[in-house]
């Protein structure tokens, strides 16, 4: 072997794991659920379930899927407008 050959040590080997590009990272942040449960909505808004049903539920869109009641996530964003 010649002395010019490169030895693959951890410092010189290229890593297969690369950091995601800015565009990929931005796409990940945009992903959000269309519907969330009542408890998840309460956590998101930092309110109790009683307060949610009393004051917020009449103002947001709630969808029944089977026996579950789910809140439309977009309607939560419209509360601040």
PDB file of N, CA and C in Angstrom:
ATOM      1  N   UNK A   1       0.828  -1.191   0.000  1.00  0.00           N
ATOM      2  CA  UNK A   1       0.000   0.000   0.000  1.00  0.00           C
ATOM      3  C   UNK A   1       0.863   1.242   0.000  1.00  0.00           C
ATOM      4  N   UNK A   2       0.380   2.224  -0.653  1.00  0.00           N
ATOM      5  CA  UNK A   2       1.133   3.469  -0.646  1.00  0.00           C
ATOM      6  C   UNK A   2       0.771   4.295   0.575  1.00  0.00           C
ATOM      7  N   UNK A   3       1.610   5.211   0.919  1.00  0.00           N
ATOM      8  CA  UNK A   3       1.384   6.030   2.107  1.00  0.00           C
ATOM      9  C   UNK A   3       0.320   7.094   1.865  1.00  0.00           C
ATOM     10  N   UNK A   4      -0.128   7.241   0.622  1.00  0.00           N
ATOM     11  CA  UNK A   4      -1.109   8.264   0.290  1.00  0.00           C
ATOM     12  C   UNK A   4      -2.557   7.790   0.463  1.00  0.00           C
ATOM     13  N   UNK A   5      -2.776   6.539   0.726  1.00  0.00           N
ATOM     14  CA  UNK A   5      -4.141   6.056   0.888  1.00  0.00           C
ATOM     15  C   UNK A   5      -4.728   6.570   2.190  1.00  0.00           C
ATOM     16  N   UNK A   6      -5.972   6.905   2.126  1.00  0.00           N
ATOM     17  CA  UNK A   6      -6.656   7.475   3.293  1.00  0.00           C
ATOM     18  C   UNK A   6      -7.257   6.354   4.134  1.00  0.00           C
ATOM     19  N   UNK A   7      -7.027   6.417   5.386  1.00  0.00           N
ATOM     20  CA  UNK A   7      -7.563   5.429   6.301  1.00  0.00           C
ATOM     21  C   UNK A   7      -8.918   5.930   6.784  1.00  0.00           C
ATOM     22  N   UNK A   8      -9.925   5.046   6.738  1.00  0.00           N
ATOM     23  CA  UNK A   8     -11.263   5.434   7.177  1.00  0.00           C
ATOM     24  C   UNK A   8     -11.358   5.353   8.702  1.00  0.00           C
ATOM     25  N   UNK A   9     -11.049   6.422   9.335  1.00  0.00           N
ATOM     26  CA  UNK A   9     -11.222   6.523  10.777  1.00  0.00           C
ATOM     27  C   UNK A   9     -12.489   7.294  11.041  1.00  0.00           C
ATOM     28  N   UNK A  10     -13.015   7.258  12.242  1.00  0.00           N
ATOM     29  CA  UNK A  10     -14.256   7.986  12.527  1.00  0.00           C
ATOM     30  C   UNK A  10     -14.176   9.471  12.197  1.00  0.00           C
ATOM     31  N   UNK A  11     -12.995  10.048  12.242  1.00  0.00           N
ATOM     32  CA  UNK A  11     -12.865  11.478  11.963  1.00  0.00           C
ATOM     33  C   UNK A  11     -12.884  11.790  10.474  1.00  0.00           C
ATOM     34  N   UNK A  12     -12.443  10.865   9.629  1.00  0.00           N
ATOM     35  CA  UNK A  12     -12.363  11.153   8.207  1.00  0.00           C
ATOM     36  C   UNK A  12     -13.515  10.560   7.413  1.00  0.00           C
ATOM     37  N   UNK A  13     -14.216   9.603   7.971  1.00  0.00           N
ATOM     38  CA  UNK A  13     -15.311   8.972   7.246  1.00  0.00           C
ATOM     39  C   UNK A  13     -16.510   9.911   7.217  1.00  0.00           C
ATOM     40  N   UNK A  14     -17.164   9.984   6.104  1.00  0.00           N
ATOM     41  CA  UNK A  14     -18.347  10.830   6.015  1.00  0.00           C
ATOM     42  C   UNK A  14     -19.518  10.132   6.684  1.00  0.00           C
ATOM     43  N   UNK A  15     -20.286  10.872   7.374  1.00  0.00           N
ATOM     44  CA  UNK A  15     -21.417  10.315   8.101  1.00  0.00           C
ATOM     45  C   UNK A  15     -22.619  10.206   7.181  1.00  0.00           C
ATOM     46  N   UNK A  16     -23.362   9.120   7.325  1.00  0.00           N
ATOM     47  CA  UNK A  16     -24.581   8.967   6.528  1.00  0.00           C
ATOM     48  C   UNK A  16     -25.713   9.803   7.094  1.00  0.00           C
ATOM     49  N   UNK A  17     -25.626  10.087   8.360  1.00  0.00           N
ATOM     50  CA  UNK A  17     -26.668  10.915   8.975  1.00  0.00           C
ATOM     51  C   UNK A  17     -26.335  12.376   8.739  1.00  0.00           C
ATOM     52  N   UNK A  18     -27.166  13.020   7.998  1.00  0.00           N
ATOM     53  CA  UNK A  18     -26.962  14.436   7.757  1.00  0.00           C
ATOM     54  C   UNK A  18     -28.106  15.208   8.380  1.00  0.00           C
ATOM     55  N   UNK A  19     -27.829  16.410   8.710  1.00  0.00           N
ATOM     56  CA  UNK A  19     -28.876  17.248   9.277  1.00  0.00           C
ATOM     57  C   UNK A  19     -29.877  17.575   8.186  1.00  0.00           C
ATOM     58  N   UNK A  20     -31.159  17.610   8.525  1.00  0.00           N
ATOM     59  CA  UNK A  20     -32.151  17.957   7.502  1.00  0.00           C
ATOM     60  C   UNK A  20     -31.967  19.385   7.044  1.00  0.00           C
ATOM     61  N   UNK A  21     -32.230  19.604   5.797  1.00  0.00           N
ATOM     62  CA  UNK A  21     -32.110  20.958   5.264  1.00  0.00           C
ATOM     63  C   UNK A  21     -33.196  21.839   5.862  1.00  0.00           C
ATOM     64  N   UNK A  22     -33.044  23.128   5.716  1.00  0.00           N
ATOM     65  CA  UNK A  22     -34.011  24.072   6.265  1.00  0.00           C
ATOM     66  C   UNK A  22     -35.407  23.851   5.717  1.00  0.00           C
ATOM     67  N   UNK A  23     -35.501  23.488   4.431  1.00  0.00           N
ATOM     68  CA  UNK A  23     -36.815  23.261   3.827  1.00  0.00           C
ATOM     69  C   UNK A  23     -37.483  22.041   4.436  1.00  0.00           C
ATOM     70  N   UNK A  24     -36.707  20.997   4.666  1.00  0.00           N
ATOM     71  CA  UNK A  24     -37.283  19.787   5.252  1.00  0.00           C
ATOM     72  C   UNK A  24     -37.721  20.064   6.682  1.00  0.00           C
ATOM     73  N   UNK A  25     -36.910  20.795   7.439  1.00  0.00           N
ATOM     74  CA  UNK A  25     -37.275  21.132   8.804  1.00  0.00           C
ATOM     75  C   UNK A  25     -38.552  21.969   8.838  1.00  0.00           C
ATOM     76  N   UNK A  26     -38.700  22.874   7.909  1.00  0.00           N
ATOM     77  CA  UNK A  26     -39.890  23.717   7.861  1.00  0.00           C
ATOM     78  C   UNK A  26     -41.132  22.875   7.571  1.00  0.00           C
ATOM     79  N   UNK A  27     -40.996  21.896   6.680  1.00  0.00           N
ATOM     80  CA  UNK A  27     -42.136  21.040   6.377  1.00  0.00           C
ATOM     81  C   UNK A  27     -42.560  20.244   7.594  1.00  0.00           C
ATOM     82  N   UNK A  28     -41.611  19.816   8.391  1.00  0.00           N
ATOM     83  CA  UNK A  28     -41.948  19.052   9.585  1.00  0.00           C
ATOM     84  C   UNK A  28     -42.741  19.898  10.564  1.00  0.00           C
ATOM     85  N   UNK A  29     -42.419  21.168  10.674  1.00  0.00           N
ATOM     86  CA  UNK A  29     -43.143  22.035  11.595  1.00  0.00           C
ATOM     87  C   UNK A  29     -44.568  22.284  11.130  1.00  0.00           C
ATOM     88  N   UNK A  30     -44.797  22.246   9.827  1.00  0.00           N
ATOM     89  CA  UNK A  30     -46.129  22.511   9.299  1.00  0.00           C
ATOM     90  C   UNK A  30     -47.079  21.342   9.519  1.00  0.00           C
ATOM     91  N   UNK A  31     -46.551  20.156   9.732  1.00  0.00           N
ATOM     92  CA  UNK A  31     -47.408  18.997   9.930  1.00  0.00           C
ATOM     93  C   UNK A  31     -48.127  19.112  11.261  1.00  0.00           C
ATOM     94  N   UNK A  32     -49.407  19.013  11.205  1.00  0.00           N
ATOM     95  CA  UNK A  32     -50.219  19.028  12.414  1.00  0.00           C
ATOM     96  C   UNK A  32     -51.487  18.257  12.128  1.00  0.00           C
ATOM     97  N   UNK A  33     -52.099  17.748  13.163  1.00  0.00           N
ATOM     98  CA  UNK A  33     -53.298  16.944  12.935  1.00  0.00           C
ATOM     99  C   UNK A  33     -54.471  17.810  12.504  1.00  0.00           C
ATOM    100  N   UNK A  34     -55.374  17.217  11.761  1.00  0.00           N
ATOM    101  CA  UNK A  34     -56.598  17.914  11.368  1.00  0.00           C
ATOM    102  C   UNK A  34     -57.560  17.972  12.546  1.00  0.00           C
ATOM    103  N   UNK A  35     -57.653  16.885  13.290  1.00  0.00           N
ATOM    104  CA  UNK A  35     -58.542  16.819  14.453  1.00  0.00           C
ATOM    105  C   UNK A  35     -57.752  16.381  15.668  1.00  0.00           C
ATOM    106  N   UNK A  36     -58.115  16.915  16.836  1.00  0.00           N
ATOM    107  CA  UNK A  36     -57.510  16.482  18.090  1.00  0.00           C
ATOM    108  C   UNK A  36     -58.624  16.197  19.079  1.00  0.00           C
ATOM    109  N   UNK A  37     -58.305  15.421  20.090  1.00  0.00           N
ATOM    110  CA  UNK A  37     -59.317  15.063  21.083  1.00  0.00           C
ATOM    111  C   UNK A  37     -59.630  16.271  21.971  1.00  0.00           C
ATOM    112  N   UNK A  38     -60.702  16.165  22.723  1.00  0.00           N
ATOM    113  CA  UNK A  38     -61.094  17.228  23.641  1.00  0.00           C
ATOM    114  C   UNK A  38     -59.983  17.467  24.668  1.00  0.00           C
ATOM    115  N   UNK A  39     -59.425  16.386  25.204  1.00  0.00           N
ATOM    116  CA  UNK A  39     -58.357  16.535  26.200  1.00  0.00           C
ATOM    117  C   UNK A  39     -57.113  17.175  25.603  1.00  0.00           C
ATOM    118  N   UNK A  40     -56.774  16.830  24.373  1.00  0.00           N
ATOM    119  CA  UNK A  40     -55.629  17.457  23.712  1.00  0.00           C
ATOM    120  C   UNK A  40     -55.900  18.936  23.463  1.00  0.00           C
ATOM    121  N   UNK A  41     -57.129  19.284  23.127  1.00  0.00           N
ATOM    122  CA  UNK A  41     -57.483  20.687  22.933  1.00  0.00           C
ATOM    123  C   UNK A  41     -57.382  21.452  24.250  1.00  0.00           C
ATOM    124  N   UNK A  42     -57.802  20.818  25.351  1.00  0.00           N
ATOM    125  CA  UNK A  42     -57.680  21.454  26.665  1.00  0.00           C
ATOM    126  C   UNK A  42     -56.216  21.686  27.014  1.00  0.00           C
ATOM    127  N   UNK A  43     -55.375  20.712  26.744  1.00  0.00           N
ATOM    128  CA  UNK A  43     -53.938  20.870  26.995  1.00  0.00           C
ATOM    129  C   UNK A  43     -53.347  21.959  26.114  1.00  0.00           C
ATOM    130  N   UNK A  44     -53.745  21.986  24.848  1.00  0.00           N
ATOM    131  CA  UNK A  44     -53.237  22.980  23.904  1.00  0.00           C
ATOM    132  C   UNK A  44     -53.592  24.392  24.351  1.00  0.00           C
ATOM    133  N   UNK A  45     -54.801  24.568  24.863  1.00  0.00           N
ATOM    134  CA  UNK A  45     -55.260  25.891  25.293  1.00  0.00           C
ATOM    135  C   UNK A  45     -54.964  26.175  26.761  1.00  0.00           C
ATOM    136  N   UNK A  46     -54.485  25.174  27.485  1.00  0.00           N
ATOM    137  CA  UNK A  46     -54.201  25.294  28.930  1.00  0.00           C
ATOM    138  C   UNK A  46     -55.445  25.687  29.716  1.00  0.00           C
ATOM    139  N   UNK A  47     -56.524  24.972  29.465  1.00  0.00           N
ATOM    140  CA  UNK A  47     -57.771  25.201  30.192  1.00  0.00           C
ATOM    141  C   UNK A  47     -58.285  23.864  30.710  1.00  0.00           C
ATOM    142  N   UNK A  48     -59.208  23.926  31.653  1.00  0.00           N
ATOM    143  CA  UNK A  48     -59.805  22.701  32.172  1.00  0.00           C
ATOM    144  C   UNK A  48     -60.878  22.201  31.205  1.00  0.00           C
ATOM    145  N   UNK A  49     -61.273  20.949  31.385  1.00  0.00           N
ATOM    146  CA  UNK A  49     -62.336  20.390  30.545  1.00  0.00           C
ATOM    147  C   UNK A  49     -63.647  21.129  30.772  1.00  0.00           C
ATOM    148  N   UNK A  50     -63.944  21.467  32.024  1.00  0.00           N
ATOM    149  CA  UNK A  50     -65.187  22.176  32.333  1.00  0.00           C
ATOM    150  C   UNK A  50     -65.217  23.538  31.631  1.00  0.00           C
ATOM    151  N   UNK A  51     -64.102  24.258  31.674  1.00  0.00           N
ATOM    152  CA  UNK A  51     -64.035  25.561  31.004  1.00  0.00           C
ATOM    153  C   UNK A  51     -64.162  25.393  29.499  1.00  0.00           C
ATOM    154  N   UNK A  52     -63.532  24.345  28.962  1.00  0.00           N
ATOM    155  CA  UNK A  52     -63.610  24.100  27.526  1.00  0.00           C
ATOM    156  C   UNK A  52     -65.053  23.890  27.096  1.00  0.00           C
ATOM    157  N   UNK A  53     -65.773  23.004  27.795  1.00  0.00           N
ATOM    158  CA  UNK A  53     -67.156  22.732  27.415  1.00  0.00           C
ATOM    159  C   UNK A  53     -68.045  23.955  27.624  1.00  0.00           C
ATOM    160  N   UNK A  54     -67.765  24.731  28.657  1.00  0.00           N
ATOM    161  CA  UNK A  54     -68.618  25.872  28.977  1.00  0.00           C
ATOM    162  C   UNK A  54     -68.399  27.054  28.036  1.00  0.00           C
ATOM    163  N   UNK A  55     -67.153  27.418  27.800  1.00  0.00           N
ATOM    164  CA  UNK A  55     -66.857  28.659  27.066  1.00  0.00           C
ATOM    165  C   UNK A  55     -66.336  28.459  25.646  1.00  0.00           C
ATOM    166  N   UNK A  56     -65.579  27.393  25.415  1.00  0.00           N
ATOM    167  CA  UNK A  56     -64.887  27.259  24.131  1.00  0.00           C
ATOM    168  C   UNK A  56     -65.618  26.358  23.158  1.00  0.00           C
ATOM    169  N   UNK A  57     -66.216  25.286  23.639  1.00  0.00           N
ATOM    170  CA  UNK A  57     -66.881  24.334  22.748  1.00  0.00           C
ATOM    171  C   UNK A  57     -67.933  24.976  21.846  1.00  0.00           C
ATOM    172  N   UNK A  58     -68.708  25.947  22.327  1.00  0.00           N
ATOM    173  CA  UNK A  58     -69.674  26.563  21.409  1.00  0.00           C
ATOM    174  C   UNK A  58     -69.030  27.361  20.272  1.00  0.00           C
ATOM    175  N   UNK A  59     -67.754  27.703  20.418  1.00  0.00           N
ATOM    176  CA  UNK A  59     -67.085  28.546  19.424  1.00  0.00           C
ATOM    177  C   UNK A  59     -66.227  27.767  18.437  1.00  0.00           C
ATOM    178  N   UNK A  60     -66.006  26.467  18.677  1.00  0.00           N
ATOM    179  CA  UNK A  60     -65.158  25.669  17.790  1.00  0.00           C
ATOM    180  C   UNK A  60     -65.990  24.577  17.126  1.00  0.00           C
ATOM    181  N   UNK A  61     -65.426  24.020  16.071  1.00  0.00           N
ATOM    182  CA  UNK A  61     -66.098  22.956  15.339  1.00  0.00           C
ATOM    183  C   UNK A  61     -65.735  21.617  15.957  1.00  0.00           C
ATOM    184  N   UNK A  62     -66.744  20.878  16.415  1.00  0.00           N
ATOM    185  CA  UNK A  62     -66.544  19.562  17.007  1.00  0.00           C
ATOM    186  C   UNK A  62     -67.201  18.526  16.104  1.00  0.00           C
ATOM    187  N   UNK A  63     -66.441  17.492  15.774  1.00  0.00           N
ATOM    188  CA  UNK A  63     -66.889  16.441  14.860  1.00  0.00           C
ATOM    189  C   UNK A  63     -66.986  15.139  15.640  1.00  0.00           C
ATOM    190  N   UNK A  64     -68.048  14.406  15.418  1.00  0.00           N
ATOM    191  CA  UNK A  64     -68.201  13.087  16.035  1.00  0.00           C
ATOM    192  C   UNK A  64     -67.737  12.042  15.029  1.00  0.00           C
ATOM    193  N   UNK A  65     -66.800  11.211  15.455  1.00  0.00           N
ATOM    194  CA  UNK A  65     -66.356  10.075  14.652  1.00  0.00           C
ATOM    195  C   UNK A  65     -66.570   8.851  15.532  1.00  0.00           C
ATOM    196  N   UNK A  66     -67.602   8.113  15.219  1.00  0.00           N
ATOM    197  CA  UNK A  66     -67.997   7.009  16.089  1.00  0.00           C
ATOM    198  C   UNK A  66     -68.495   7.582  17.398  1.00  0.00           C
ATOM    199  N   UNK A  67     -67.903   7.152  18.476  1.00  0.00           N
ATOM    200  CA  UNK A  67     -68.278   7.675  19.795  1.00  0.00           C
ATOM    201  C   UNK A  67     -67.382   8.810  20.252  1.00  0.00           C
ATOM    202  N   UNK A  68     -66.335   9.085  19.488  1.00  0.00           N
ATOM    203  CA  UNK A  68     -65.368  10.102  19.884  1.00  0.00           C
ATOM    204  C   UNK A  68     -65.765  11.472  19.389  1.00  0.00           C
ATOM    205  N   UNK A  69     -65.553  12.461  20.221  1.00  0.00           N
ATOM    206  CA  UNK A  69     -65.728  13.860  19.826  1.00  0.00           C
ATOM    207  C   UNK A  69     -64.345  14.439  19.586  1.00  0.00           C
ATOM    208  N   UNK A  70     -64.126  14.963  18.389  1.00  0.00           N
ATOM    209  CA  UNK A  70     -62.836  15.533  18.028  1.00  0.00           C
ATOM    210  C   UNK A  70     -63.007  16.983  17.646  1.00  0.00           C
ATOM    211  N   UNK A  71     -62.009  17.786  17.987  1.00  0.00           N
ATOM    212  CA  UNK A  71     -62.037  19.221  17.707  1.00  0.00           C
ATOM    213  C   UNK A  71     -61.240  19.477  16.435  1.00  0.00           C
ATOM    214  N   UNK A  72     -61.806  20.274  15.544  1.00  0.00           N
ATOM    215  CA  UNK A  72     -61.088  20.685  14.338  1.00  0.00           C
ATOM    216  C   UNK A  72     -59.980  21.637  14.766  1.00  0.00           C
ATOM    217  N   UNK A  73     -58.736  21.266  14.491  1.00  0.00           N
ATOM    218  CA  UNK A  73     -57.581  22.045  14.962  1.00  0.00           C
ATOM    219  C   UNK A  73     -57.587  23.452  14.377  1.00  0.00           C
ATOM    220  N   UNK A  74     -58.025  23.606  13.137  1.00  0.00           N
ATOM    221  CA  UNK A  74     -58.072  24.926  12.510  1.00  0.00           C
ATOM    222  C   UNK A  74     -59.029  25.861  13.230  1.00  0.00           C
ATOM    223  N   UNK A  75     -60.102  25.318  13.763  1.00  0.00           N
ATOM    224  CA  UNK A  75     -61.071  26.165  14.461  1.00  0.00           C
ATOM    225  C   UNK A  75     -60.503  26.687  15.787  1.00  0.00           C
ATOM    226  N   UNK A  76     -59.524  25.980  16.366  1.00  0.00           N
ATOM    227  CA  UNK A  76     -58.877  26.494  17.567  1.00  0.00           C
ATOM    228  C   UNK A  76     -58.043  27.734  17.241  1.00  0.00           C
ATOM    229  N   UNK A  77     -57.410  27.727  16.077  1.00  0.00           N
ATOM    230  CA  UNK A  77     -56.627  28.883  15.653  1.00  0.00           C
ATOM    231  C   UNK A  77     -57.476  30.106  15.379  1.00  0.00           C
ATOM    232  N   UNK A  78     -58.719  29.882  14.988  1.00  0.00           N
ATOM    233  CA  UNK A  78     -59.616  31.001  14.695  1.00  0.00           C
ATOM    234  C   UNK A  78     -60.135  31.672  15.955  1.00  0.00           C
ATOM    235  N   UNK A  79     -59.930  31.071  17.116  1.00  0.00           N
ATOM    236  CA  UNK A  79     -60.393  31.687  18.375  1.00  0.00           C
ATOM    237  C   UNK A  79     -59.686  33.015  18.637  1.00  0.00           C
ATOM    238  N   UNK A  80     -58.430  33.084  18.278  1.00  0.00           N
ATOM    239  CA  UNK A  80     -57.663  34.306  18.523  1.00  0.00           C
ATOM    240  C   UNK A  80     -57.937  35.427  17.541  1.00  0.00           C
ATOM    241  N   UNK A  81     -58.609  35.153  16.480  1.00  0.00           N
ATOM    242  CA  UNK A  81     -58.869  36.182  15.463  1.00  0.00           C
ATOM    243  C   UNK A  81     -60.075  37.007  15.789  1.00  0.00           C
TER     244      UNK A  81
END
